[in-house]
Amino acid sequence: MFDYLYEWMQNIAFYMIMVTAVMHVIPNSDYKRYIRFFTGLVLAVMLASPLLKLLGMGDVWQNLYENEKYQEQVRKMEEAAKYLQGTEAKQESKEELDNIWQEDSGEMSISIEEIEVGRD
């Protein structure tokens, strides 16, 4: 029991040192609040782990990632990412073709002399 608590305290201390190092390395202060939020959530889970283990719910977190529904959602997200990467590639190739067409056909321009907005 004491070994578990000692390991738990070591993990929290190591985590806090790593978070402090990351916070000092981040050059842009705009991201610090997001990193603090995320690290705070992780710290809350780490602090709650002994309590969850005492209540018999310690394995629930681990089983969550082994669940079939979770695995199916991960697969769907990976497929969506592949699809989006494909559409980005199509968009880039379309832009490249447009650039090539403009270079081959010369610059096309439209000049507008005057624009009026309002009622007559």
C-alpha atoms as a PDB file:
ATOM      1  CA  MET A   1       0.000   0.000   0.000  1.00  0.00           C
ATOM      2  CA  PHE A   2       2.772   2.416   0.930  1.00  0.00           C
ATOM      3  CA  ASP A   3       4.664   1.479  -2.220  1.00  0.00           C
ATOM      4  CA  TYR A   4       1.660   2.492  -4.285  1.00  0.00           C
ATOM      5  CA  LEU A   5       1.351   5.838  -2.473  1.00  0.00           C
ATOM      6  CA  TYR A   6       5.095   6.452  -2.814  1.00  0.00           C
ATOM      7  CA  GLU A   7       4.934   5.740  -6.549  1.00  0.00           C
ATOM      8  CA  TRP A   8       1.849   7.964  -6.841  1.00  0.00           C
ATOM      9  CA  MET A   9       3.644  10.864  -5.163  1.00  0.00           C
ATOM     10  CA  GLN A  10       6.698  10.334  -7.379  1.00  0.00           C
ATOM     11  CA  ASN A  11       4.512  10.432 -10.490  1.00  0.00           C
ATOM     12  CA  ILE A  12       2.849  13.664  -9.391  1.00  0.00           C
ATOM     13  CA  ALA A  13       6.204  15.271  -8.553  1.00  0.00           C
ATOM     14  CA  PHE A  14       7.667  14.243 -11.919  1.00  0.00           C
ATOM     15  CA  TYR A  15       4.548  15.498 -13.699  1.00  0.00           C
ATOM     16  CA  MET A  16       4.726  18.873 -11.968  1.00  0.00           C
ATOM     17  CA  ILE A  17       8.423  19.241 -12.872  1.00  0.00           C
ATOM     18  CA  MET A  18       7.669  18.420 -16.503  1.00  0.00           C
ATOM     19  CA  VAL A  19       4.743  20.866 -16.614  1.00  0.00           C
ATOM     20  CA  THR A  20       6.924  23.610 -15.128  1.00  0.00           C
ATOM     21  CA  ALA A  21       9.632  22.929 -17.720  1.00  0.00           C
ATOM     22  CA  VAL A  22       7.100  23.028 -20.560  1.00  0.00           C
ATOM     23  CA  MET A  23       5.619  26.278 -19.271  1.00  0.00           C
ATOM     24  CA  HIS A  24       9.074  27.891 -19.291  1.00  0.00           C
ATOM     25  CA  VAL A  25       9.862  26.617 -22.787  1.00  0.00           C
ATOM     26  CA  ILE A  26       6.657  27.916 -24.416  1.00  0.00           C
ATOM     27  CA  PRO A  27       7.601  31.215 -26.077  1.00  0.00           C
ATOM     28  CA  ASN A  28       4.090  32.526 -26.695  1.00  0.00           C
ATOM     29  CA  SER A  29       2.099  33.360 -23.591  1.00  0.00           C
ATOM     30  CA  ASP A  30      -1.188  33.005 -25.504  1.00  0.00           C
ATOM     31  CA  TYR A  31      -0.940  29.217 -25.322  1.00  0.00           C
ATOM     32  CA  LYS A  32      -0.061  29.075 -21.632  1.00  0.00           C
ATOM     33  CA  ARG A  33      -3.644  29.230 -20.443  1.00  0.00           C
ATOM     34  CA  TYR A  34      -4.618  26.306 -22.679  1.00  0.00           C
ATOM     35  CA  ILE A  35      -1.662  24.294 -21.496  1.00  0.00           C
ATOM     36  CA  ARG A  36      -2.496  25.122 -17.877  1.00  0.00           C
ATOM     37  CA  PHE A  37      -6.088  23.998 -18.436  1.00  0.00           C
ATOM     38  CA  PHE A  38      -5.063  20.697 -20.006  1.00  0.00           C
ATOM     39  CA  THR A  39      -2.351  19.990 -17.447  1.00  0.00           C
ATOM     40  CA  GLY A  40      -4.809  20.824 -14.679  1.00  0.00           C
ATOM     41  CA  LEU A  41      -7.222  18.233 -16.025  1.00  0.00           C
ATOM     42  CA  VAL A  42      -4.476  15.632 -16.172  1.00  0.00           C
ATOM     43  CA  LEU A  43      -3.392  16.535 -12.643  1.00  0.00           C
ATOM     44  CA  ALA A  44      -6.968  16.144 -11.388  1.00  0.00           C
ATOM     45  CA  VAL A  45      -7.117  12.647 -12.876  1.00  0.00           C
ATOM     46  CA  MET A  46      -3.739  11.810 -11.340  1.00  0.00           C
ATOM     47  CA  LEU A  47      -4.871  13.055  -7.934  1.00  0.00           C
ATOM     48  CA  ALA A  48      -8.119  11.091  -8.152  1.00  0.00           C
ATOM     49  CA  SER A  49      -6.501   7.802  -9.173  1.00  0.00           C
ATOM     50  CA  PRO A  50      -5.952   6.466  -5.592  1.00  0.00           C
ATOM     51  CA  LEU A  51      -9.532   7.276  -4.684  1.00  0.00           C
ATOM     52  CA  LEU A  52     -10.798   5.562  -7.825  1.00  0.00           C
ATOM     53  CA  LYS A  53      -8.632   2.551  -7.076  1.00  0.00           C
ATOM     54  CA  LEU A  54     -10.049   2.322  -3.544  1.00  0.00           C
ATOM     55  CA  LEU A  55     -13.586   2.452  -4.950  1.00  0.00           C
ATOM     56  CA  GLY A  56     -12.764  -0.298  -7.435  1.00  0.00           C
ATOM     57  CA  MET A  57     -13.033   1.965 -10.447  1.00  0.00           C
ATOM     58  CA  GLY A  58      -9.319   2.113 -11.247  1.00  0.00           C
ATOM     59  CA  ASP A  59      -9.628  -0.216 -14.215  1.00  0.00           C
ATOM     60  CA  VAL A  60     -12.544   1.717 -15.712  1.00  0.00           C
ATOM     61  CA  TRP A  61     -10.198   4.308 -17.247  1.00  0.00           C
ATOM     62  CA  GLN A  62      -8.027   1.636 -18.779  1.00  0.00           C
ATOM     63  CA  ASN A  63     -10.998  -0.343 -20.115  1.00  0.00           C
ATOM     64  CA  LEU A  64     -12.415   2.790 -21.706  1.00  0.00           C
ATOM     65  CA  TYR A  65      -9.703   2.777 -24.379  1.00  0.00           C
ATOM     66  CA  GLU A  66     -10.100  -0.933 -25.032  1.00  0.00           C
ATOM     67  CA  ASN A  67     -13.842  -0.573 -25.631  1.00  0.00           C
ATOM     68  CA  GLU A  68     -15.147  -1.502 -29.106  1.00  0.00           C
ATOM     69  CA  LYS A  69     -17.133   1.728 -29.456  1.00  0.00           C
ATOM     70  CA  TYR A  70     -14.021   3.763 -28.713  1.00  0.00           C
ATOM     71  CA  GLN A  71     -11.993   1.810 -31.256  1.00  0.00           C
ATOM     72  CA  GLU A  72     -14.745   2.360 -33.846  1.00  0.00           C
ATOM     73  CA  GLN A  73     -14.745   6.120 -33.185  1.00  0.00           C
ATOM     74  CA  VAL A  74     -10.952   6.221 -33.566  1.00  0.00           C
ATOM     75  CA  ARG A  75     -11.244   4.380 -36.877  1.00  0.00           C
ATOM     76  CA  LYS A  76     -13.903   6.835 -38.108  1.00  0.00           C
ATOM     77  CA  MET A  77     -11.749   9.811 -37.151  1.00  0.00           C
ATOM     78  CA  GLU A  78      -8.757   8.319 -38.971  1.00  0.00           C
ATOM     79  CA  GLU A  79     -10.883   7.784 -42.094  1.00  0.00           C
ATOM     80  CA  ALA A  80     -12.153  11.361 -41.881  1.00  0.00           C
ATOM     81  CA  ALA A  81      -8.586  12.633 -41.544  1.00  0.00           C
ATOM     82  CA  LYS A  82      -7.549  10.675 -44.639  1.00  0.00           C
ATOM     83  CA  TYR A  83     -10.527  12.075 -46.555  1.00  0.00           C
ATOM     84  CA  LEU A  84      -9.707  15.627 -45.485  1.00  0.00           C
ATOM     85  CA  GLN A  85      -6.082  15.176 -46.475  1.00  0.00           C
ATOM     86  CA  GLY A  86      -7.298  13.973 -49.880  1.00  0.00           C
ATOM     87  CA  THR A  87      -9.525  17.018 -50.337  1.00  0.00           C
ATOM     88  CA  GLU A  88      -6.671  19.307 -49.300  1.00  0.00           C
ATOM     89  CA  ALA A  89      -4.479  17.658 -51.928  1.00  0.00           C
ATOM     90  CA  LYS A  90      -7.236  18.145 -54.519  1.00  0.00           C
ATOM     91  CA  GLN A  91      -7.563  21.805 -53.549  1.00  0.00           C
ATOM     92  CA  GLU A  92      -3.790  22.288 -53.819  1.00  0.00           C
ATOM     93  CA  SER A  93      -3.694  20.599 -57.231  1.00  0.00           C
ATOM     94  CA  LYS A  94      -6.621  22.784 -58.391  1.00  0.00           C
ATOM     95  CA  GLU A  95      -4.736  25.895 -57.274  1.00  0.00           C
ATOM     96  CA  GLU A  96      -1.614  24.672 -59.067  1.00  0.00           C
ATOM     97  CA  LEU A  97      -3.625  24.127 -62.258  1.00  0.00           C
ATOM     98  CA  ASP A  98      -5.124  27.594 -61.938  1.00  0.00           C
ATOM     99  CA  ASN A  99      -1.642  29.071 -61.563  1.00  0.00           C
ATOM    100  CA  ILE A 100      -0.377  27.156 -64.586  1.00  0.00           C
ATOM    101  CA  TRP A 101      -3.405  28.273 -66.644  1.00  0.00           C
ATOM    102  CA  GLN A 102      -2.826  31.897 -65.685  1.00  0.00           C
ATOM    103  CA  GLU A 103       0.855  31.648 -66.585  1.00  0.00           C
ATOM    104  CA  ASP A 104       0.081  30.043 -69.950  1.00  0.00           C
ATOM    105  CA  SER A 105      -2.757  32.316 -70.966  1.00  0.00           C
ATOM    106  CA  GLY A 106      -1.256  35.514 -69.614  1.00  0.00           C
ATOM    107  CA  GLU A 107      -2.613  37.663 -66.852  1.00  0.00           C
ATOM    108  CA  MET A 108      -6.318  38.226 -66.951  1.00  0.00           C
ATOM    109  CA  SER A 109      -7.538  41.317 -65.265  1.00  0.00           C
ATOM    110  CA  ILE A 110     -10.791  43.114 -64.816  1.00  0.00           C
ATOM    111  CA  SER A 111     -10.803  46.798 -64.140  1.00  0.00           C
ATOM    112  CA  ILE A 112     -13.651  48.490 -62.361  1.00  0.00           C
ATOM    113  CA  GLU A 113     -13.958  52.195 -62.754  1.00  0.00           C
ATOM    114  CA  GLU A 114     -16.676  53.000 -60.276  1.00  0.00           C
ATOM    115  CA  ILE A 115     -18.883  51.273 -57.720  1.00  0.00           C
ATOM    116  CA  GLU A 116     -21.977  52.922 -56.317  1.00  0.00           C
ATOM    117  CA  VAL A 117     -23.795  51.612 -53.289  1.00  0.00           C
ATOM    118  CA  GLY A 118     -27.087  53.004 -52.162  1.00  0.00           C
ATOM    119  CA  ARG A 119     -30.504  54.002 -53.417  1.00  0.00           C
ATOM    120  CA  ASP A 120     -31.174  56.038 -56.531  1.00  0.00           C
END
